[in-house]
């Protein structure tokens, strides 16, 4: 007489808001934010898209939650002996998170409401200035000066993702036109493209420029604080 072996299906992981948000972050990390849709997210989580609405209101709610989760990844331990080193560490910790999630800065900039998680982060960051002896007025100016660097990214003046010319011939023609019409910009582009010994870093490197500007601002704030 044969022996029957009972097989038990693996328990299904319950769908929660946290699981929905985590799945959305993984999808954006792997395929970019443009891949995120309710239908696609449902597929990734192994559920019908309509099931997501039991835990999130809509895609905008998902994006809000993703921002909160990303901000929650930033290490809030000061790790410094003074306000300047603490603030530098905070900004660089935020930078590490933004590098891991390169889509996140655009989502943060698109949000119109400040969530409790963001308020908590800003409260903690402002506390570094206040505990460091800043007047509330100077701390206010400092928060504006550092701006998005508090969250690990910068709002760039130029769009470095602009489409490149299709061929070397088109690039050469464009370069000639640029040199004739915009000599200073052309000289700048040549400098950051070809000068590996630039005093502001090796070319136009986002991380180099982030740290350069951060230190410049912190040094200036330090001088203002000491002269107050």
Protein backbone atom coordinates (compact mmCIF):
# COMPACT_ATOMS: atom_id res chain seq x y z
CA UNK A 1 0.00 0.00 0.00
CA UNK A 2 1.53 3.30 -1.06
CA UNK A 3 2.25 6.05 1.42
CA UNK A 4 0.64 9.35 0.74
CA UNK A 5 2.75 12.43 1.42
CA UNK A 6 0.76 15.51 2.23
CA UNK A 7 2.10 18.69 0.74
CA UNK A 8 1.38 22.00 2.33
CA UNK A 9 1.48 25.17 0.30
CA UNK A 10 3.83 27.85 1.57
CA UNK A 11 1.93 30.45 3.56
CA UNK A 12 1.14 33.53 1.54
CA UNK A 13 2.77 36.69 2.79
CA UNK A 14 -0.02 39.09 3.74
CA UNK A 15 -0.20 42.33 1.82
CA UNK A 16 0.46 45.39 3.97
CA UNK A 17 1.14 49.05 3.31
CA UNK A 18 4.79 48.49 4.22
CA UNK A 19 5.08 45.62 1.75
CA UNK A 20 3.47 47.72 -0.99
CA UNK A 21 5.90 50.59 -0.40
CA UNK A 22 8.91 48.29 -0.16
CA UNK A 23 7.90 46.64 -3.43
CA UNK A 24 7.51 50.04 -5.10
CA UNK A 25 10.99 51.09 -3.97
CA UNK A 26 12.56 47.87 -5.25
CA UNK A 27 10.80 48.28 -8.59
CA UNK A 28 11.95 51.91 -8.93
CA UNK A 29 15.51 50.94 -7.96
CA UNK A 30 15.67 48.15 -10.52
CA UNK A 31 13.79 49.63 -13.47
CA UNK A 32 13.34 53.33 -12.81
CA UNK A 33 10.40 55.32 -11.58
CA UNK A 34 8.76 55.25 -15.02
CA UNK A 35 8.18 51.51 -14.56
CA UNK A 36 6.04 52.08 -11.47
CA UNK A 37 2.31 51.66 -12.03
CA UNK A 38 -0.42 50.08 -9.94
CA UNK A 39 -0.72 47.21 -12.43
CA UNK A 40 3.01 46.55 -12.60
CA UNK A 41 3.44 46.80 -8.84
CA UNK A 42 0.62 44.32 -8.34
CA UNK A 43 2.38 41.91 -10.69
CA UNK A 44 5.63 42.24 -8.77
CA UNK A 45 3.83 41.54 -5.49
CA UNK A 46 1.81 38.68 -6.93
CA UNK A 47 -1.59 40.32 -6.38
CA UNK A 48 -4.27 42.01 -8.42
CA UNK A 49 -3.76 45.74 -8.80
CA UNK A 50 -7.09 46.38 -7.10
CA UNK A 51 -5.79 44.72 -3.93
CA UNK A 52 -3.28 47.53 -3.52
CA UNK A 53 -6.10 49.99 -2.90
CA UNK A 54 -6.81 48.32 0.43
CA UNK A 55 -3.50 49.75 1.65
CA UNK A 56 -2.81 52.86 -0.45
CA UNK A 57 -5.15 55.47 -1.86
CA UNK A 58 -3.50 55.84 -5.26
CA UNK A 59 -0.11 56.20 -6.93
CA UNK A 60 0.47 59.61 -5.33
CA UNK A 61 -0.03 58.02 -1.93
CA UNK A 62 2.56 55.41 -2.88
CA UNK A 63 5.03 58.13 -3.89
CA UNK A 64 4.44 59.95 -0.59
CA UNK A 65 5.09 56.73 1.29
CA UNK A 66 8.20 56.00 -0.73
CA UNK A 67 9.62 59.41 0.20
CA UNK A 68 8.94 58.75 3.89
CA UNK A 69 10.66 55.37 3.64
CA UNK A 70 13.70 56.83 1.87
CA UNK A 71 14.06 59.66 4.40
CA UNK A 72 13.80 57.02 7.12
CA UNK A 73 16.93 55.35 5.75
CA UNK A 74 19.10 58.39 6.55
CA UNK A 75 21.31 57.84 9.57
CA UNK A 76 20.33 60.45 12.17
CA UNK A 77 23.22 59.78 14.56
CA UNK A 78 25.35 62.92 14.62
CA UNK A 79 28.73 61.22 14.93
CA UNK A 80 30.58 64.50 15.36
CA UNK A 81 32.12 66.53 18.14
CA UNK A 82 30.74 69.83 16.85
CA UNK A 83 27.85 71.13 14.75
CA UNK A 84 29.93 71.40 11.59
CA UNK A 85 31.16 67.80 11.54
CA UNK A 86 27.70 66.59 12.60
CA UNK A 87 26.00 68.50 9.80
CA UNK A 88 28.57 67.31 7.27
CA UNK A 89 28.04 63.72 8.34
CA UNK A 90 24.26 64.14 8.15
CA UNK A 91 24.38 65.53 4.62
CA UNK A 92 26.78 62.82 3.44
CA UNK A 93 24.60 60.13 5.04
CA UNK A 94 21.66 61.55 3.10
CA UNK A 95 23.81 61.55 -0.03
CA UNK A 96 24.51 57.83 0.37
CA UNK A 97 20.78 57.15 0.46
CA UNK A 98 20.11 59.27 -2.63
CA UNK A 99 22.85 57.47 -4.54
CA UNK A 100 21.23 54.13 -3.68
CA UNK A 101 17.88 55.43 -4.90
CA UNK A 102 18.78 57.71 -7.81
CA UNK A 103 15.11 58.36 -8.65
CA UNK A 104 14.26 59.67 -5.19
CA UNK A 105 15.37 63.30 -5.54
CA UNK A 106 12.88 63.92 -8.35
CA UNK A 107 10.04 62.48 -6.28
CA UNK A 108 11.01 64.56 -3.24
CA UNK A 109 11.01 67.72 -5.35
CA UNK A 110 7.56 66.87 -6.71
CA UNK A 111 5.87 66.53 -3.31
CA UNK A 112 3.60 69.38 -2.28
CA UNK A 113 2.98 68.35 1.33
CA UNK A 114 5.53 67.95 4.12
CA UNK A 115 4.90 64.62 5.80
CA UNK A 116 5.45 63.89 9.51
CA UNK A 117 8.52 61.83 8.58
CA UNK A 118 10.01 64.79 6.72
CA UNK A 119 9.14 67.12 9.60
CA UNK A 120 10.91 64.78 12.01
CA UNK A 121 14.01 64.77 9.81
CA UNK A 122 14.04 68.56 9.48
CA UNK A 123 13.47 68.99 13.23
CA UNK A 124 16.48 66.78 13.97
CA UNK A 125 18.62 68.58 11.41
CA UNK A 126 17.64 72.02 12.68
CA UNK A 127 18.52 70.80 16.15
CA UNK A 128 22.15 70.36 15.06
CA UNK A 129 22.36 74.07 14.31
CA UNK A 130 20.53 75.13 17.47
CA UNK A 131 22.59 72.85 19.72
CA UNK A 132 25.69 74.16 17.98
CA UNK A 133 24.99 77.69 19.21
CA UNK A 134 23.24 79.17 16.16
CA UNK A 135 20.65 81.83 16.76
CA UNK A 136 17.26 80.87 15.36
CA UNK A 137 17.65 83.58 12.71
CA UNK A 138 21.02 82.26 11.54
CA UNK A 139 19.77 78.66 11.69
CA UNK A 140 16.89 79.73 9.43
CA UNK A 141 19.33 81.21 6.92
CA UNK A 142 21.51 78.11 7.20
CA UNK A 143 18.64 75.77 6.34
CA UNK A 144 17.90 77.84 3.24
CA UNK A 145 21.58 77.98 2.24
CA UNK A 146 22.14 74.24 2.45
CA UNK A 147 18.76 73.57 0.88
CA UNK A 148 18.33 70.21 -0.82
CA UNK A 149 21.81 69.13 0.33
CA UNK A 150 20.17 68.38 3.66
CA UNK A 151 18.49 65.54 1.77
CA UNK A 152 21.56 64.45 -0.14
CA UNK A 153 21.07 66.05 -3.54
CA UNK A 154 21.45 69.36 -5.32
CA UNK A 155 19.10 71.18 -7.62
CA UNK A 156 21.37 71.58 -10.63
CA UNK A 157 21.49 74.67 -12.80
CA UNK A 158 22.09 72.62 -15.94
CA UNK A 159 20.42 69.48 -17.24
CA UNK A 160 23.35 67.12 -17.63
CA UNK A 161 21.07 64.41 -19.02
CA UNK A 162 20.34 66.35 -22.19
CA UNK A 163 20.55 64.37 -25.42
CA UNK A 164 23.96 64.26 -27.05
CA UNK A 165 24.48 64.84 -30.78
CA UNK A 166 23.89 61.73 -32.87
CA UNK A 167 27.29 61.76 -34.59
CA UNK A 168 30.83 63.18 -34.16
CA UNK A 169 30.20 65.46 -37.15
CA UNK A 170 27.10 66.96 -35.50
CA UNK A 171 29.02 67.33 -32.24
CA UNK A 172 31.79 69.24 -34.02
CA UNK A 173 29.30 71.59 -35.68
CA UNK A 174 27.55 72.18 -32.35
CA UNK A 175 30.89 72.88 -30.67
CA UNK A 176 31.76 75.50 -33.28
CA UNK A 177 28.38 77.18 -32.85
CA UNK A 178 28.70 77.14 -29.08
CA UNK A 179 32.19 78.65 -29.19
CA UNK A 180 31.04 81.46 -31.45
CA UNK A 181 27.85 82.31 -29.53
CA UNK A 182 28.71 81.31 -25.96
CA UNK A 183 32.50 81.51 -25.48
CA UNK A 184 32.45 81.40 -21.67
CA UNK A 185 30.16 78.36 -21.49
CA UNK A 186 32.26 76.64 -24.16
CA UNK A 187 35.44 77.30 -22.19
CA UNK A 188 33.80 75.90 -19.06
CA UNK A 189 32.67 72.75 -20.86
CA UNK A 190 36.17 72.21 -22.26
CA UNK A 191 37.69 72.72 -18.81
CA UNK A 192 35.53 70.21 -16.96
CA UNK A 193 35.73 67.71 -19.84
CA UNK A 194 39.48 67.68 -20.33
CA UNK A 195 41.14 69.02 -17.18
CA UNK A 196 41.70 66.15 -14.74
CA UNK A 197 43.57 68.49 -12.37
CA UNK A 198 40.69 70.91 -11.88
CA UNK A 199 40.75 72.61 -8.49
CA UNK A 200 37.10 71.74 -7.95
CA UNK A 201 37.39 68.05 -8.71
CA UNK A 202 37.84 65.68 -11.62
CA UNK A 203 35.45 67.01 -14.18
CA UNK A 204 31.75 67.44 -13.49
CA UNK A 205 31.38 64.71 -10.90
CA UNK A 206 28.14 64.94 -8.92
CA UNK A 207 29.66 63.63 -5.69
CA UNK A 208 32.67 65.95 -5.94
CA UNK A 209 30.44 68.96 -6.59
CA UNK A 210 28.12 67.99 -3.74
CA UNK A 211 30.95 67.86 -1.20
CA UNK A 212 32.63 70.98 -2.60
CA UNK A 213 29.47 73.07 -2.21
CA UNK A 214 28.60 71.55 1.16
CA UNK A 215 32.01 72.40 2.63
CA UNK A 216 31.89 75.88 1.13
CA UNK A 217 28.54 76.57 2.77
CA UNK A 218 29.52 75.07 6.13
CA UNK A 219 32.75 77.11 6.22
CA UNK A 220 30.81 80.28 5.49
CA UNK A 221 28.22 79.51 8.16
CA UNK A 222 31.00 78.83 10.66
CA UNK A 223 32.47 82.28 10.02
CA UNK A 224 29.06 83.92 10.37
CA UNK A 225 28.39 82.09 13.64
CA UNK A 226 31.76 83.10 15.11
CA UNK A 227 31.28 86.75 14.15
CA UNK A 228 27.75 86.99 15.54
